[in-house]
Amino acid sequence: MEPTGSTATRSYPSSWQAFAIWVVLGAVGALGFLTLAVIGLVPIIGIVWIGTRPSVRNSWFGGLAGVGAALLFVAYLQRRGPGPVCWHTATASGCDDYMNPWPWLIAGVALIAIAVIAQVRRMRTDAGHTTP
């Protein structure tokens, strides 16, 4: 039995809600860095805010899933690639050059899979070591 004035650290279990918050921050940060690096600095405020809350900090794997989601979005945008794709309408025509979507797709799926597996493992270990 511990005294009431002890400085023992409290264990906070991971949660899917906290994971989702990290997913949003990771996706916004990744898309910000892909579009304009300065915009990618905005989620740092959210990351610092979340870092001060132990109940949310334990689900940081969601940030990896957010980056993976951003990579999947890029893969979706580049789905016509690789190479040039020409188009025309009654009033205009043009060509767009697309990147290969496969590296983006593979990296996105891998990051999301790693993040979800790590979160599930963290939640299982938290469930086994919870303190009242």
N, C-alpha and C. Protein backbone atom coordinates (compact mmCIF):
# COMPACT_ATOMS: atom_id res chain seq x y z
N MET A 1 0.84 -1.17 0.00
CA MET A 1 0.00 0.00 0.00
C MET A 1 0.89 1.24 0.00
N GLU A 2 0.63 2.14 -0.95
CA GLU A 2 1.44 3.34 -1.08
C GLU A 2 0.81 4.48 -0.30
N PRO A 3 1.65 5.34 0.26
CA PRO A 3 1.11 6.52 0.93
C PRO A 3 0.45 7.45 -0.08
N THR A 4 -0.48 8.26 0.38
CA THR A 4 -1.21 9.14 -0.52
C THR A 4 -0.34 10.24 -1.09
N GLY A 5 0.73 10.58 -0.47
CA GLY A 5 1.59 11.66 -0.95
C GLY A 5 2.76 11.18 -1.78
N SER A 6 2.74 9.93 -2.25
CA SER A 6 3.87 9.41 -3.02
C SER A 6 3.90 10.02 -4.41
N THR A 7 5.04 9.92 -5.01
CA THR A 7 5.22 10.47 -6.35
C THR A 7 5.26 9.36 -7.38
N ALA A 8 4.57 8.27 -7.13
CA ALA A 8 4.52 7.16 -8.08
C ALA A 8 3.82 7.63 -9.36
N THR A 9 4.32 7.16 -10.49
CA THR A 9 3.72 7.55 -11.76
C THR A 9 2.50 6.69 -12.02
N ARG A 10 1.49 7.32 -12.54
CA ARG A 10 0.24 6.62 -12.85
C ARG A 10 0.31 6.11 -14.28
N SER A 11 -0.15 4.91 -14.50
CA SER A 11 -0.17 4.32 -15.83
C SER A 11 -1.47 4.68 -16.52
N TYR A 12 -1.38 5.28 -17.69
CA TYR A 12 -2.56 5.65 -18.47
C TYR A 12 -2.69 4.68 -19.63
N PRO A 13 -3.81 4.02 -19.76
CA PRO A 13 -3.97 3.08 -20.86
C PRO A 13 -4.13 3.81 -22.20
N SER A 14 -3.71 3.15 -23.26
CA SER A 14 -3.88 3.69 -24.60
C SER A 14 -5.35 3.54 -25.00
N SER A 15 -5.80 4.38 -25.93
CA SER A 15 -7.19 4.29 -26.38
C SER A 15 -7.28 4.58 -27.86
N TRP A 16 -8.36 4.12 -28.46
CA TRP A 16 -8.57 4.37 -29.89
C TRP A 16 -8.93 5.83 -30.15
N GLN A 17 -9.53 6.51 -29.17
CA GLN A 17 -9.83 7.93 -29.35
C GLN A 17 -8.53 8.73 -29.44
N ALA A 18 -7.60 8.43 -28.57
CA ALA A 18 -6.31 9.11 -28.61
C ALA A 18 -5.57 8.77 -29.90
N PHE A 19 -5.68 7.53 -30.33
CA PHE A 19 -5.07 7.10 -31.59
C PHE A 19 -5.62 7.93 -32.75
N ALA A 20 -6.94 8.16 -32.75
CA ALA A 20 -7.57 8.95 -33.82
C ALA A 20 -7.08 10.39 -33.81
N ILE A 21 -6.87 10.96 -32.63
CA ILE A 21 -6.33 12.32 -32.55
C ILE A 21 -4.94 12.36 -33.18
N TRP A 22 -4.13 11.37 -32.86
CA TRP A 22 -2.79 11.30 -33.45
C TRP A 22 -2.85 11.09 -34.96
N VAL A 23 -3.82 10.32 -35.44
CA VAL A 23 -3.97 10.11 -36.89
C VAL A 23 -4.21 11.44 -37.59
N VAL A 24 -5.11 12.24 -37.03
CA VAL A 24 -5.40 13.55 -37.63
C VAL A 24 -4.16 14.43 -37.64
N LEU A 25 -3.46 14.49 -36.52
CA LEU A 25 -2.25 15.32 -36.47
C LEU A 25 -1.18 14.82 -37.44
N GLY A 26 -1.02 13.51 -37.53
CA GLY A 26 -0.03 12.95 -38.45
C GLY A 26 -0.37 13.23 -39.90
N ALA A 27 -1.65 13.09 -40.25
CA ALA A 27 -2.06 13.33 -41.63
C ALA A 27 -1.92 14.81 -42.01
N VAL A 28 -2.36 15.69 -41.12
CA VAL A 28 -2.24 17.13 -41.39
C VAL A 28 -0.77 17.53 -41.50
N GLY A 29 0.05 17.02 -40.61
CA GLY A 29 1.48 17.33 -40.67
C GLY A 29 2.14 16.83 -41.93
N ALA A 30 1.83 15.59 -42.32
CA ALA A 30 2.44 15.02 -43.52
C ALA A 30 1.99 15.76 -44.78
N LEU A 31 0.69 16.03 -44.89
CA LEU A 31 0.21 16.77 -46.05
C LEU A 31 0.76 18.19 -46.07
N GLY A 32 0.91 18.77 -44.90
CA GLY A 32 1.51 20.10 -44.83
C GLY A 32 2.94 20.10 -45.32
N PHE A 33 3.73 19.11 -44.90
CA PHE A 33 5.11 19.03 -45.36
C PHE A 33 5.21 18.68 -46.84
N LEU A 34 4.26 17.90 -47.37
CA LEU A 34 4.28 17.56 -48.79
C LEU A 34 3.91 18.75 -49.67
N THR A 35 3.04 19.63 -49.18
CA THR A 35 2.63 20.76 -49.98
C THR A 35 3.54 21.97 -49.78
N LEU A 36 3.76 22.35 -48.55
CA LEU A 36 4.61 23.49 -48.23
C LEU A 36 5.13 23.27 -46.82
N ALA A 37 6.43 23.17 -46.67
CA ALA A 37 7.03 22.77 -45.40
C ALA A 37 6.59 23.66 -44.23
N VAL A 38 6.35 24.93 -44.48
CA VAL A 38 5.95 25.84 -43.40
C VAL A 38 4.60 25.44 -42.83
N ILE A 39 3.68 25.00 -43.69
CA ILE A 39 2.35 24.57 -43.23
C ILE A 39 2.49 23.33 -42.34
N GLY A 40 3.47 22.51 -42.61
CA GLY A 40 3.69 21.31 -41.82
C GLY A 40 4.10 21.60 -40.39
N LEU A 41 4.51 22.82 -40.12
CA LEU A 41 4.88 23.19 -38.76
C LEU A 41 3.67 23.44 -37.86
N VAL A 42 2.52 23.69 -38.45
CA VAL A 42 1.31 23.99 -37.68
C VAL A 42 0.94 22.85 -36.73
N PRO A 43 0.97 21.57 -37.15
CA PRO A 43 0.60 20.50 -36.23
C PRO A 43 1.54 20.35 -35.04
N ILE A 44 2.69 20.99 -35.08
CA ILE A 44 3.61 20.91 -33.95
C ILE A 44 2.94 21.46 -32.69
N ILE A 45 2.11 22.47 -32.85
CA ILE A 45 1.38 23.02 -31.70
C ILE A 45 0.48 21.93 -31.10
N GLY A 46 -0.21 21.20 -31.95
CA GLY A 46 -1.06 20.12 -31.48
C GLY A 46 -0.26 18.99 -30.86
N ILE A 47 0.89 18.69 -31.43
CA ILE A 47 1.73 17.62 -30.89
C ILE A 47 2.26 18.01 -29.52
N VAL A 48 2.67 19.26 -29.36
CA VAL A 48 3.14 19.72 -28.04
C VAL A 48 1.99 19.66 -27.04
N TRP A 49 0.81 20.07 -27.45
CA TRP A 49 -0.36 20.04 -26.56
C TRP A 49 -0.67 18.60 -26.15
N ILE A 50 -0.66 17.70 -27.10
CA ILE A 50 -0.94 16.30 -26.80
C ILE A 50 0.17 15.69 -25.97
N GLY A 51 1.40 16.09 -26.20
CA GLY A 51 2.52 15.55 -25.45
C GLY A 51 2.46 15.83 -23.97
N THR A 52 1.69 16.82 -23.58
CA THR A 52 1.55 17.14 -22.15
C THR A 52 0.46 16.31 -21.48
N ARG A 53 -0.29 15.55 -22.24
CA ARG A 53 -1.37 14.74 -21.69
C ARG A 53 -1.00 13.27 -21.79
N PRO A 54 -0.65 12.67 -20.66
CA PRO A 54 -0.20 11.27 -20.68
C PRO A 54 -1.25 10.30 -21.20
N SER A 55 -2.52 10.60 -20.99
CA SER A 55 -3.55 9.68 -21.45
C SER A 55 -3.62 9.61 -22.97
N VAL A 56 -3.20 10.65 -23.65
CA VAL A 56 -3.21 10.68 -25.10
C VAL A 56 -1.83 10.35 -25.66
N ARG A 57 -0.80 10.69 -24.94
CA ARG A 57 0.57 10.48 -25.40
C ARG A 57 0.88 9.01 -25.65
N ASN A 58 0.24 8.10 -24.92
CA ASN A 58 0.52 6.68 -25.07
C ASN A 58 0.05 6.10 -26.40
N SER A 59 -0.73 6.81 -27.15
CA SER A 59 -1.24 6.32 -28.43
C SER A 59 -0.56 7.00 -29.61
N TRP A 60 0.70 7.35 -29.46
CA TRP A 60 1.41 8.12 -30.49
C TRP A 60 1.57 7.37 -31.80
N PHE A 61 1.32 6.07 -31.81
CA PHE A 61 1.42 5.32 -33.06
C PHE A 61 0.42 5.82 -34.10
N GLY A 62 -0.63 6.49 -33.64
CA GLY A 62 -1.59 7.07 -34.56
C GLY A 62 -0.98 8.09 -35.49
N GLY A 63 0.09 8.76 -35.04
CA GLY A 63 0.78 9.70 -35.92
C GLY A 63 1.36 9.00 -37.14
N LEU A 64 1.88 7.80 -36.94
CA LEU A 64 2.38 7.01 -38.08
C LEU A 64 1.24 6.66 -39.03
N ALA A 65 0.10 6.30 -38.47
CA ALA A 65 -1.05 5.97 -39.30
C ALA A 65 -1.52 7.20 -40.08
N GLY A 66 -1.43 8.38 -39.46
CA GLY A 66 -1.80 9.61 -40.16
C GLY A 66 -0.88 9.90 -41.32
N VAL A 67 0.41 9.69 -41.12
CA VAL A 67 1.36 9.86 -42.23
C VAL A 67 1.04 8.85 -43.32
N GLY A 68 0.73 7.62 -42.93
CA GLY A 68 0.35 6.60 -43.91
C GLY A 68 -0.90 6.98 -44.68
N ALA A 69 -1.87 7.57 -44.00
CA ALA A 69 -3.09 8.02 -44.68
C ALA A 69 -2.78 9.12 -45.69
N ALA A 70 -1.88 10.02 -45.33
CA ALA A 70 -1.48 11.08 -46.27
C ALA A 70 -0.80 10.47 -47.50
N LEU A 71 0.04 9.45 -47.28
CA LEU A 71 0.70 8.78 -48.41
C LEU A 71 -0.32 8.06 -49.30
N LEU A 72 -1.35 7.49 -48.70
CA LEU A 72 -2.41 6.86 -49.50
C LEU A 72 -3.17 7.89 -50.32
N PHE A 73 -3.34 9.07 -49.76
CA PHE A 73 -4.01 10.15 -50.50
C PHE A 73 -3.18 10.56 -51.72
N VAL A 74 -1.86 10.66 -51.54
CA VAL A 74 -0.98 10.99 -52.66
C VAL A 74 -1.05 9.88 -53.71
N ALA A 75 -1.06 8.63 -53.28
CA ALA A 75 -1.16 7.51 -54.22
C ALA A 75 -2.47 7.60 -55.01
N TYR A 76 -3.55 7.98 -54.33
CA TYR A 76 -4.83 8.12 -55.01
C TYR A 76 -4.77 9.23 -56.06
N LEU A 77 -4.15 10.35 -55.72
CA LEU A 77 -4.05 11.46 -56.67
C LEU A 77 -3.19 11.09 -57.88
N GLN A 78 -2.23 10.20 -57.69
CA GLN A 78 -1.32 9.82 -58.77
C GLN A 78 -1.74 8.51 -59.45
N ARG A 79 -2.98 8.09 -59.26
CA ARG A 79 -3.43 6.78 -59.72
C ARG A 79 -3.36 6.60 -61.23
N ARG A 80 -3.28 7.66 -62.01
CA ARG A 80 -3.18 7.54 -63.47
C ARG A 80 -1.75 7.36 -63.96
N GLY A 81 -0.81 7.47 -63.06
CA GLY A 81 0.60 7.42 -63.43
C GLY A 81 1.14 6.02 -63.55
N PRO A 82 2.37 5.89 -63.88
CA PRO A 82 3.33 6.97 -64.10
C PRO A 82 3.32 7.47 -65.55
N GLY A 83 3.74 8.70 -65.71
CA GLY A 83 3.88 9.28 -67.03
C GLY A 83 2.81 10.31 -67.36
N PRO A 84 2.88 10.82 -68.60
CA PRO A 84 1.93 11.85 -69.00
C PRO A 84 0.57 11.26 -69.37
N VAL A 85 -0.48 12.00 -69.04
CA VAL A 85 -1.84 11.65 -69.41
C VAL A 85 -2.45 12.88 -70.05
N CYS A 86 -2.87 12.74 -71.29
CA CYS A 86 -3.44 13.88 -72.02
C CYS A 86 -4.97 13.82 -71.99
N TRP A 87 -5.58 14.98 -72.03
CA TRP A 87 -7.02 15.09 -71.97
C TRP A 87 -7.46 16.22 -72.88
N HIS A 88 -8.73 16.19 -73.30
CA HIS A 88 -9.28 17.30 -74.08
C HIS A 88 -10.79 17.37 -73.87
N THR A 89 -11.29 18.59 -73.93
CA THR A 89 -12.72 18.84 -73.88
C THR A 89 -13.08 19.65 -75.10
N ALA A 90 -14.30 20.13 -75.17
CA ALA A 90 -14.73 20.92 -76.32
C ALA A 90 -13.99 22.26 -76.38
N THR A 91 -13.53 22.77 -75.23
CA THR A 91 -12.92 24.11 -75.22
C THR A 91 -11.45 24.12 -74.78
N ALA A 92 -10.93 23.01 -74.30
CA ALA A 92 -9.55 23.02 -73.80
C ALA A 92 -8.93 21.64 -73.92
N SER A 93 -7.61 21.62 -73.84
CA SER A 93 -6.89 20.35 -73.83
C SER A 93 -5.57 20.56 -73.09
N GLY A 94 -4.98 19.47 -72.70
CA GLY A 94 -3.72 19.57 -72.00
C GLY A 94 -3.20 18.20 -71.60
N CYS A 95 -2.04 18.20 -71.00
CA CYS A 95 -1.43 16.97 -70.54
C CYS A 95 -0.94 17.17 -69.10
N ASP A 96 -1.09 16.13 -68.30
CA ASP A 96 -0.61 16.14 -66.93
C ASP A 96 0.40 15.02 -66.78
N ASP A 97 1.42 15.27 -65.97
CA ASP A 97 2.44 14.26 -65.73
C ASP A 97 2.25 13.70 -64.33
N TYR A 98 2.09 12.39 -64.23
CA TYR A 98 1.83 11.74 -62.96
C TYR A 98 3.02 10.90 -62.52
N MET A 99 3.19 10.81 -61.20
CA MET A 99 4.23 9.96 -60.64
C MET A 99 3.70 8.53 -60.53
N ASN A 100 4.61 7.61 -60.23
CA ASN A 100 4.23 6.23 -60.00
C ASN A 100 3.54 6.14 -58.64
N PRO A 101 2.29 5.67 -58.57
CA PRO A 101 1.58 5.62 -57.29
C PRO A 101 1.98 4.45 -56.40
N TRP A 102 2.63 3.44 -56.93
CA TRP A 102 2.93 2.24 -56.15
C TRP A 102 3.82 2.47 -54.94
N PRO A 103 4.91 3.24 -55.04
CA PRO A 103 5.70 3.47 -53.83
C PRO A 103 4.91 4.19 -52.73
N TRP A 104 4.06 5.12 -53.12
CA TRP A 104 3.23 5.84 -52.15
C TRP A 104 2.24 4.89 -51.50
N LEU A 105 1.64 4.02 -52.31
CA LEU A 105 0.66 3.07 -51.81
C LEU A 105 1.30 2.07 -50.84
N ILE A 106 2.43 1.52 -51.22
CA ILE A 106 3.10 0.53 -50.37
C ILE A 106 3.54 1.15 -49.06
N ALA A 107 4.13 2.34 -49.11
CA ALA A 107 4.58 3.01 -47.88
C ALA A 107 3.39 3.36 -46.99
N GLY A 108 2.29 3.83 -47.58
CA GLY A 108 1.11 4.18 -46.80
C GLY A 108 0.49 2.98 -46.12
N VAL A 109 0.33 1.90 -46.85
CA VAL A 109 -0.25 0.68 -46.26
C VAL A 109 0.67 0.14 -45.17
N ALA A 110 1.99 0.15 -45.42
CA ALA A 110 2.93 -0.36 -44.41
C ALA A 110 2.87 0.46 -43.12
N LEU A 111 2.85 1.79 -43.24
CA LEU A 111 2.80 2.63 -42.04
C LEU A 111 1.50 2.44 -41.26
N ILE A 112 0.40 2.33 -41.96
CA ILE A 112 -0.87 2.12 -41.27
C ILE A 112 -0.89 0.76 -40.58
N ALA A 113 -0.41 -0.27 -41.26
CA ALA A 113 -0.38 -1.61 -40.66
C ALA A 113 0.52 -1.64 -39.43
N ILE A 114 1.69 -1.04 -39.53
CA ILE A 114 2.61 -1.00 -38.39
C ILE A 114 1.98 -0.25 -37.22
N ALA A 115 1.34 0.87 -37.51
CA ALA A 115 0.73 1.68 -36.45
C ALA A 115 -0.41 0.94 -35.76
N VAL A 116 -1.27 0.29 -36.52
CA VAL A 116 -2.41 -0.41 -35.91
C VAL A 116 -1.92 -1.61 -35.10
N ILE A 117 -0.97 -2.36 -35.64
CA ILE A 117 -0.43 -3.50 -34.90
C ILE A 117 0.23 -3.03 -33.60
N ALA A 118 1.01 -1.97 -33.68
CA ALA A 118 1.68 -1.45 -32.48
C ALA A 118 0.66 -0.95 -31.46
N GLN A 119 -0.40 -0.29 -31.92
CA GLN A 119 -1.43 0.20 -31.00
C GLN A 119 -2.15 -0.96 -30.32
N VAL A 120 -2.48 -1.99 -31.07
CA VAL A 120 -3.16 -3.15 -30.48
C VAL A 120 -2.25 -3.80 -29.43
N ARG A 121 -0.97 -3.94 -29.75
CA ARG A 121 -0.04 -4.54 -28.79
C ARG A 121 0.09 -3.66 -27.55
N ARG A 122 0.15 -2.35 -27.73
CA ARG A 122 0.24 -1.43 -26.59
C ARG A 122 -1.01 -1.53 -25.73
N MET A 123 -2.16 -1.60 -26.36
CA MET A 123 -3.41 -1.68 -25.60
C MET A 123 -3.50 -3.01 -24.84
N ARG A 124 -3.00 -4.08 -25.42
CA ARG A 124 -3.01 -5.37 -24.72
C ARG A 124 -2.08 -5.34 -23.51
N THR A 125 -0.90 -4.73 -23.64
CA THR A 125 -0.01 -4.67 -22.51
C THR A 125 -0.54 -3.71 -21.45
N ASP A 126 -1.20 -2.62 -21.88
CA ASP A 126 -1.82 -1.70 -20.92
C ASP A 126 -2.94 -2.39 -20.15
N ALA A 127 -3.69 -3.24 -20.82
CA ALA A 127 -4.80 -3.93 -20.16
C ALA A 127 -4.27 -4.92 -19.12
N GLY A 128 -3.10 -5.47 -19.36
CA GLY A 128 -2.53 -6.41 -18.41
C GLY A 128 -1.85 -5.74 -17.24
N HIS A 129 -1.52 -4.44 -17.37
CA HIS A 129 -0.78 -3.74 -16.31
C HIS A 129 -1.53 -2.55 -15.76
N THR A 130 -2.83 -2.52 -15.86
CA THR A 130 -3.57 -1.36 -15.36
C THR A 130 -3.57 -1.34 -13.84
N THR A 131 -3.57 -0.11 -13.33
CA THR A 131 -3.64 0.08 -11.87
C THR A 131 -4.93 0.81 -11.55
N PRO A 132 -5.59 0.44 -10.48
CA PRO A 132 -6.87 1.09 -10.13
C PRO A 132 -6.68 2.51 -9.68
